[in-house]
Amino acid sequence: QVQLVESGGGLVQPGGSLRLSCAASGSIFSLHDMGWYRQAPGKERELVAGITRGESTNYADSVKGRFTISRDNAKNAVYLQMTSLKPEDTAVYYCTAIIEIFSTVRRYWGQGTQVTVSS
């Protein structure tokens, strides 16, 4: 089966930086769009950033200019470099990917990694 495993979350002070990583493993034929969502307590899950296989990117307005998404297709991995972090960035961050396996295409999710921005 397919697994998405995130790493890199933690506690950081306002203005600080973190880099999230996510690696996909399993019987993967092809990775299509990948991205990061986040969910803060009491709020709905929201898109943070997305990246296509051709590396076109899109960002939530709230993170434009501060976050950068990238991917390494050879490693089946996606990354989120977060800078100038704010307390409102505090959330569980989820990696997601559209993955093709044996002619079936579906979205997969990671287990989530906590990011806390606090002094």
N, C-alpha and C. Protein backbone atom coordinates (compact mmCIF):
# COMPACT_ATOMS: atom_id res chain seq x y z
N GLN A 1 0.83 -1.19 0.00
CA GLN A 1 0.00 0.00 0.00
C GLN A 1 0.86 1.25 0.00
N VAL A 2 0.23 2.39 -0.15
CA VAL A 2 0.95 3.65 -0.22
C VAL A 2 0.92 4.35 1.13
N GLN A 3 2.05 4.92 1.49
CA GLN A 3 2.13 5.73 2.71
C GLN A 3 2.76 7.07 2.39
N LEU A 4 2.23 8.11 3.04
CA LEU A 4 2.85 9.43 3.01
C LEU A 4 3.29 9.72 4.44
N VAL A 5 4.58 9.98 4.61
CA VAL A 5 5.12 10.20 5.95
C VAL A 5 5.73 11.59 6.01
N GLU A 6 5.18 12.42 6.91
CA GLU A 6 5.68 13.78 7.09
C GLU A 6 6.71 13.83 8.21
N SER A 7 7.56 14.85 8.14
CA SER A 7 8.50 15.13 9.21
C SER A 7 8.85 16.61 9.18
N GLY A 8 9.42 17.10 10.28
CA GLY A 8 9.91 18.46 10.30
C GLY A 8 9.10 19.45 11.10
N GLY A 9 7.97 19.02 11.65
CA GLY A 9 7.19 19.94 12.46
C GLY A 9 7.86 20.19 13.81
N GLY A 10 7.27 21.11 14.57
CA GLY A 10 7.81 21.41 15.89
C GLY A 10 7.37 22.76 16.38
N LEU A 11 8.07 23.20 17.43
CA LEU A 11 7.80 24.49 18.06
C LEU A 11 8.84 25.50 17.58
N VAL A 12 8.37 26.66 17.15
CA VAL A 12 9.27 27.70 16.66
C VAL A 12 8.75 29.06 17.11
N GLN A 13 9.65 29.99 17.31
CA GLN A 13 9.25 31.33 17.72
C GLN A 13 8.74 32.13 16.52
N PRO A 14 7.90 33.12 16.77
CA PRO A 14 7.45 33.98 15.66
C PRO A 14 8.65 34.57 14.92
N GLY A 15 8.54 34.58 13.59
CA GLY A 15 9.64 35.04 12.77
C GLY A 15 10.62 33.95 12.37
N GLY A 16 10.47 32.79 12.97
CA GLY A 16 11.38 31.69 12.69
C GLY A 16 11.01 30.91 11.44
N SER A 17 11.76 29.84 11.20
CA SER A 17 11.57 29.03 9.99
C SER A 17 11.50 27.55 10.34
N LEU A 18 10.80 26.81 9.50
CA LEU A 18 10.75 25.36 9.58
C LEU A 18 10.67 24.81 8.17
N ARG A 19 11.15 23.58 8.01
CA ARG A 19 11.02 22.91 6.72
C ARG A 19 10.33 21.57 6.93
N LEU A 20 9.19 21.42 6.29
CA LEU A 20 8.46 20.16 6.35
C LEU A 20 8.83 19.29 5.16
N SER A 21 8.91 18.00 5.42
CA SER A 21 9.19 17.03 4.36
C SER A 21 8.11 15.96 4.36
N CYS A 22 7.88 15.40 3.19
CA CYS A 22 6.91 14.33 3.05
C CYS A 22 7.40 13.38 1.98
N ALA A 23 7.48 12.10 2.33
CA ALA A 23 7.94 11.10 1.37
C ALA A 23 6.85 10.06 1.15
N ALA A 24 6.62 9.73 -0.09
CA ALA A 24 5.65 8.70 -0.44
C ALA A 24 6.37 7.39 -0.69
N SER A 25 5.79 6.30 -0.19
CA SER A 25 6.39 4.98 -0.40
C SER A 25 5.29 3.98 -0.77
N GLY A 26 5.71 2.89 -1.40
CA GLY A 26 4.75 1.87 -1.80
C GLY A 26 4.85 1.58 -3.28
N SER A 27 3.87 0.88 -3.80
CA SER A 27 3.85 0.48 -5.21
C SER A 27 3.31 1.62 -6.08
N ILE A 28 4.11 2.67 -6.21
CA ILE A 28 3.68 3.88 -6.89
C ILE A 28 4.06 3.82 -8.35
N PHE A 29 3.07 4.00 -9.24
CA PHE A 29 3.38 4.09 -10.66
C PHE A 29 3.74 5.53 -11.03
N SER A 30 2.95 6.48 -10.51
CA SER A 30 3.20 7.88 -10.83
C SER A 30 2.61 8.79 -9.76
N LEU A 31 3.37 9.84 -9.41
CA LEU A 31 2.88 10.87 -8.50
C LEU A 31 2.42 12.06 -9.33
N HIS A 32 1.22 12.49 -9.11
CA HIS A 32 0.72 13.65 -9.84
C HIS A 32 0.81 14.88 -8.93
N ASP A 33 -0.28 15.63 -8.76
CA ASP A 33 -0.22 16.81 -7.91
C ASP A 33 0.09 16.43 -6.47
N MET A 34 0.89 17.29 -5.82
CA MET A 34 1.20 17.11 -4.41
C MET A 34 0.93 18.43 -3.71
N GLY A 35 0.80 18.38 -2.39
CA GLY A 35 0.54 19.63 -1.70
C GLY A 35 0.53 19.50 -0.20
N TRP A 36 0.29 20.62 0.42
CA TRP A 36 0.20 20.70 1.88
C TRP A 36 -1.10 21.42 2.26
N TYR A 37 -1.80 20.84 3.22
CA TYR A 37 -2.96 21.46 3.84
C TYR A 37 -2.65 21.65 5.31
N ARG A 38 -3.44 22.46 5.98
CA ARG A 38 -3.30 22.60 7.42
C ARG A 38 -4.66 22.75 8.05
N GLN A 39 -4.72 22.37 9.32
CA GLN A 39 -5.95 22.50 10.09
C GLN A 39 -5.64 22.98 11.48
N ALA A 40 -6.15 24.15 11.81
CA ALA A 40 -5.99 24.71 13.15
C ALA A 40 -7.18 24.29 14.00
N PRO A 41 -7.02 24.30 15.32
CA PRO A 41 -8.13 23.91 16.20
C PRO A 41 -9.39 24.72 15.93
N GLY A 42 -10.51 24.03 15.76
CA GLY A 42 -11.77 24.71 15.54
C GLY A 42 -11.98 25.25 14.14
N LYS A 43 -11.04 24.96 13.24
CA LYS A 43 -11.15 25.48 11.87
C LYS A 43 -11.16 24.33 10.88
N GLU A 44 -11.60 24.63 9.67
CA GLU A 44 -11.60 23.63 8.61
C GLU A 44 -10.19 23.48 8.03
N ARG A 45 -9.96 22.31 7.44
CA ARG A 45 -8.69 22.08 6.76
C ARG A 45 -8.63 23.00 5.54
N GLU A 46 -7.47 23.63 5.33
CA GLU A 46 -7.32 24.55 4.22
C GLU A 46 -6.05 24.26 3.43
N LEU A 47 -6.11 24.57 2.14
CA LEU A 47 -4.93 24.41 1.29
C LEU A 47 -3.89 25.45 1.65
N VAL A 48 -2.65 25.00 1.82
CA VAL A 48 -1.53 25.91 2.05
C VAL A 48 -0.78 26.15 0.74
N ALA A 49 -0.40 25.06 0.08
CA ALA A 49 0.35 25.17 -1.17
C ALA A 49 0.21 23.88 -1.95
N GLY A 50 0.27 24.01 -3.28
CA GLY A 50 0.20 22.85 -4.15
C GLY A 50 1.25 22.94 -5.23
N ILE A 51 1.62 21.77 -5.78
CA ILE A 51 2.62 21.73 -6.83
C ILE A 51 2.30 20.59 -7.77
N THR A 52 2.33 20.88 -9.07
CA THR A 52 2.06 19.84 -10.06
C THR A 52 3.34 19.05 -10.36
N ARG A 53 3.19 17.99 -11.13
CA ARG A 53 4.36 17.20 -11.49
C ARG A 53 5.33 18.05 -12.31
N GLY A 54 4.78 19.00 -13.07
CA GLY A 54 5.62 19.92 -13.84
C GLY A 54 6.14 21.09 -13.04
N GLU A 55 5.84 21.07 -11.73
CA GLU A 55 6.35 22.05 -10.76
C GLU A 55 5.70 23.42 -10.89
N SER A 56 4.49 23.48 -11.41
CA SER A 56 3.70 24.70 -11.26
C SER A 56 3.18 24.74 -9.84
N THR A 57 3.19 25.93 -9.23
CA THR A 57 2.82 26.04 -7.83
C THR A 57 1.67 27.01 -7.62
N ASN A 58 0.97 26.81 -6.50
CA ASN A 58 -0.04 27.77 -6.07
C ASN A 58 -0.02 27.83 -4.55
N TYR A 59 -0.38 28.97 -4.01
CA TYR A 59 -0.30 29.22 -2.57
C TYR A 59 -1.56 29.90 -2.06
N ALA A 60 -1.87 29.65 -0.80
CA ALA A 60 -2.89 30.43 -0.12
C ALA A 60 -2.38 31.86 0.02
N ASP A 61 -3.28 32.80 -0.07
CA ASP A 61 -2.86 34.21 0.03
C ASP A 61 -2.13 34.48 1.34
N SER A 62 -2.51 33.79 2.40
CA SER A 62 -1.95 34.05 3.72
C SER A 62 -0.48 33.63 3.84
N VAL A 63 0.01 32.82 2.91
CA VAL A 63 1.39 32.34 3.02
C VAL A 63 2.26 32.79 1.84
N LYS A 64 1.68 33.46 0.88
CA LYS A 64 2.46 33.91 -0.29
C LYS A 64 3.62 34.79 0.16
N GLY A 65 4.79 34.52 -0.40
CA GLY A 65 5.97 35.29 -0.06
C GLY A 65 6.70 34.79 1.18
N ARG A 66 6.06 33.87 1.93
CA ARG A 66 6.70 33.34 3.14
C ARG A 66 7.00 31.85 3.03
N PHE A 67 6.13 31.13 2.34
CA PHE A 67 6.28 29.67 2.21
C PHE A 67 6.67 29.32 0.77
N THR A 68 7.45 28.26 0.64
CA THR A 68 7.85 27.77 -0.68
C THR A 68 7.67 26.27 -0.74
N ILE A 69 6.91 25.80 -1.72
CA ILE A 69 6.73 24.36 -1.91
C ILE A 69 7.65 23.89 -3.03
N SER A 70 8.19 22.69 -2.85
CA SER A 70 9.04 22.10 -3.88
C SER A 70 8.87 20.59 -3.83
N ARG A 71 9.37 19.91 -4.85
CA ARG A 71 9.26 18.46 -4.89
C ARG A 71 10.49 17.86 -5.54
N ASP A 72 10.72 16.60 -5.20
CA ASP A 72 11.79 15.83 -5.80
C ASP A 72 11.15 14.55 -6.35
N ASN A 73 10.92 14.52 -7.65
CA ASN A 73 10.21 13.38 -8.23
C ASN A 73 11.01 12.08 -8.12
N ALA A 74 12.32 12.18 -8.12
CA ALA A 74 13.14 10.99 -7.99
C ALA A 74 13.00 10.35 -6.61
N LYS A 75 12.68 11.16 -5.62
CA LYS A 75 12.54 10.67 -4.24
C LYS A 75 11.08 10.54 -3.82
N ASN A 76 10.16 10.83 -4.74
CA ASN A 76 8.72 10.81 -4.40
C ASN A 76 8.46 11.68 -3.17
N ALA A 77 9.04 12.86 -3.14
CA ALA A 77 8.97 13.70 -1.96
C ALA A 77 8.49 15.11 -2.30
N VAL A 78 7.88 15.73 -1.30
CA VAL A 78 7.46 17.13 -1.41
C VAL A 78 7.89 17.84 -0.14
N TYR A 79 8.22 19.10 -0.26
CA TYR A 79 8.74 19.87 0.85
C TYR A 79 7.98 21.19 0.99
N LEU A 80 8.00 21.73 2.20
CA LEU A 80 7.41 23.05 2.44
C LEU A 80 8.37 23.83 3.31
N GLN A 81 9.02 24.82 2.71
CA GLN A 81 9.90 25.71 3.45
C GLN A 81 9.07 26.87 3.96
N MET A 82 9.03 27.02 5.28
CA MET A 82 8.22 28.05 5.89
C MET A 82 9.12 29.06 6.58
N THR A 83 8.97 30.33 6.25
CA THR A 83 9.76 31.39 6.86
C THR A 83 8.83 32.46 7.40
N SER A 84 9.40 33.35 8.20
CA SER A 84 8.62 34.44 8.82
C SER A 84 7.34 33.91 9.43
N LEU A 85 7.47 32.85 10.19
CA LEU A 85 6.28 32.19 10.75
C LEU A 85 5.56 33.09 11.74
N LYS A 86 4.24 32.97 11.74
CA LYS A 86 3.37 33.76 12.61
C LYS A 86 2.57 32.83 13.51
N PRO A 87 2.11 33.31 14.65
CA PRO A 87 1.28 32.46 15.51
C PRO A 87 0.08 31.87 14.78
N GLU A 88 -0.47 32.60 13.84
CA GLU A 88 -1.64 32.10 13.10
C GLU A 88 -1.28 30.97 12.12
N ASP A 89 -0.01 30.67 11.97
CA ASP A 89 0.39 29.51 11.17
C ASP A 89 0.33 28.22 11.98
N THR A 90 0.07 28.33 13.27
CA THR A 90 -0.02 27.16 14.13
C THR A 90 -1.15 26.25 13.67
N ALA A 91 -0.83 24.99 13.41
CA ALA A 91 -1.81 24.04 12.89
C ALA A 91 -1.15 22.68 12.74
N VAL A 92 -1.97 21.68 12.48
CA VAL A 92 -1.46 20.40 12.01
C VAL A 92 -1.36 20.49 10.49
N TYR A 93 -0.19 20.18 9.98
CA TYR A 93 0.05 20.26 8.54
C TYR A 93 0.01 18.85 7.95
N TYR A 94 -0.75 18.71 6.87
CA TYR A 94 -0.94 17.42 6.21
C TYR A 94 -0.38 17.45 4.79
N CYS A 95 0.38 16.45 4.48
CA CYS A 95 0.85 16.24 3.12
C CYS A 95 -0.22 15.48 2.34
N THR A 96 -0.36 15.79 1.08
CA THR A 96 -1.31 15.07 0.24
C THR A 96 -0.72 14.89 -1.15
N ALA A 97 -1.13 13.82 -1.79
CA ALA A 97 -0.64 13.55 -3.14
C ALA A 97 -1.68 12.76 -3.91
N ILE A 98 -1.76 13.03 -5.19
CA ILE A 98 -2.58 12.22 -6.10
C ILE A 98 -1.65 11.21 -6.74
N ILE A 99 -1.95 9.94 -6.47
CA ILE A 99 -1.02 8.87 -6.82
C ILE A 99 -1.71 7.85 -7.71
N GLU A 100 -1.00 7.43 -8.74
CA GLU A 100 -1.50 6.40 -9.65
C GLU A 100 -0.83 5.07 -9.31
N ILE A 101 -1.70 4.08 -9.04
CA ILE A 101 -1.22 2.73 -8.75
C ILE A 101 -2.05 1.75 -9.56
N PHE A 102 -1.41 0.96 -10.41
CA PHE A 102 -2.11 -0.05 -11.20
C PHE A 102 -3.35 0.53 -11.89
N SER A 103 -3.20 1.67 -12.55
CA SER A 103 -4.24 2.35 -13.32
C SER A 103 -5.34 2.97 -12.46
N THR A 104 -5.19 2.95 -11.17
CA THR A 104 -6.13 3.63 -10.27
C THR A 104 -5.49 4.90 -9.74
N VAL A 105 -6.21 6.00 -9.85
CA VAL A 105 -5.69 7.30 -9.40
C VAL A 105 -6.56 7.79 -8.25
N ARG A 106 -5.94 8.13 -7.12
CA ARG A 106 -6.68 8.66 -5.98
C ARG A 106 -5.78 9.52 -5.14
N ARG A 107 -6.42 10.27 -4.22
CA ARG A 107 -5.68 11.14 -3.32
C ARG A 107 -5.34 10.39 -2.03
N TYR A 108 -4.13 10.59 -1.58
CA TYR A 108 -3.66 10.04 -0.32
C TYR A 108 -3.27 11.18 0.62
N TRP A 109 -3.35 10.87 1.93
CA TRP A 109 -3.01 11.86 2.96
C TRP A 109 -1.99 11.28 3.93
N GLY A 110 -1.12 12.16 4.42
CA GLY A 110 -0.24 11.78 5.51
C GLY A 110 -0.96 11.88 6.83
N GLN A 111 -0.24 11.53 7.90
CA GLN A 111 -0.86 11.50 9.23
C GLN A 111 -0.87 12.87 9.89
N GLY A 112 -0.12 13.80 9.36
CA GLY A 112 -0.08 15.15 9.90
C GLY A 112 1.11 15.38 10.81
N THR A 113 1.60 16.60 10.81
CA THR A 113 2.69 16.99 11.70
C THR A 113 2.35 18.35 12.31
N GLN A 114 2.56 18.46 13.62
CA GLN A 114 2.17 19.68 14.34
C GLN A 114 3.21 20.77 14.16
N VAL A 115 2.74 21.95 13.82
CA VAL A 115 3.58 23.16 13.78
C VAL A 115 3.00 24.15 14.77
N THR A 116 3.81 24.56 15.73
CA THR A 116 3.37 25.52 16.73
C THR A 116 4.30 26.72 16.70
N VAL A 117 3.71 27.90 16.50
CA VAL A 117 4.48 29.14 16.46
C VAL A 117 4.11 29.95 17.69
N SER A 118 5.06 30.05 18.60
CA SER A 118 4.77 30.69 19.88
C SER A 118 6.06 31.15 20.53
N SER A 119 5.97 32.25 21.26
CA SER A 119 7.12 32.72 22.01
C SER A 119 7.08 32.21 23.45
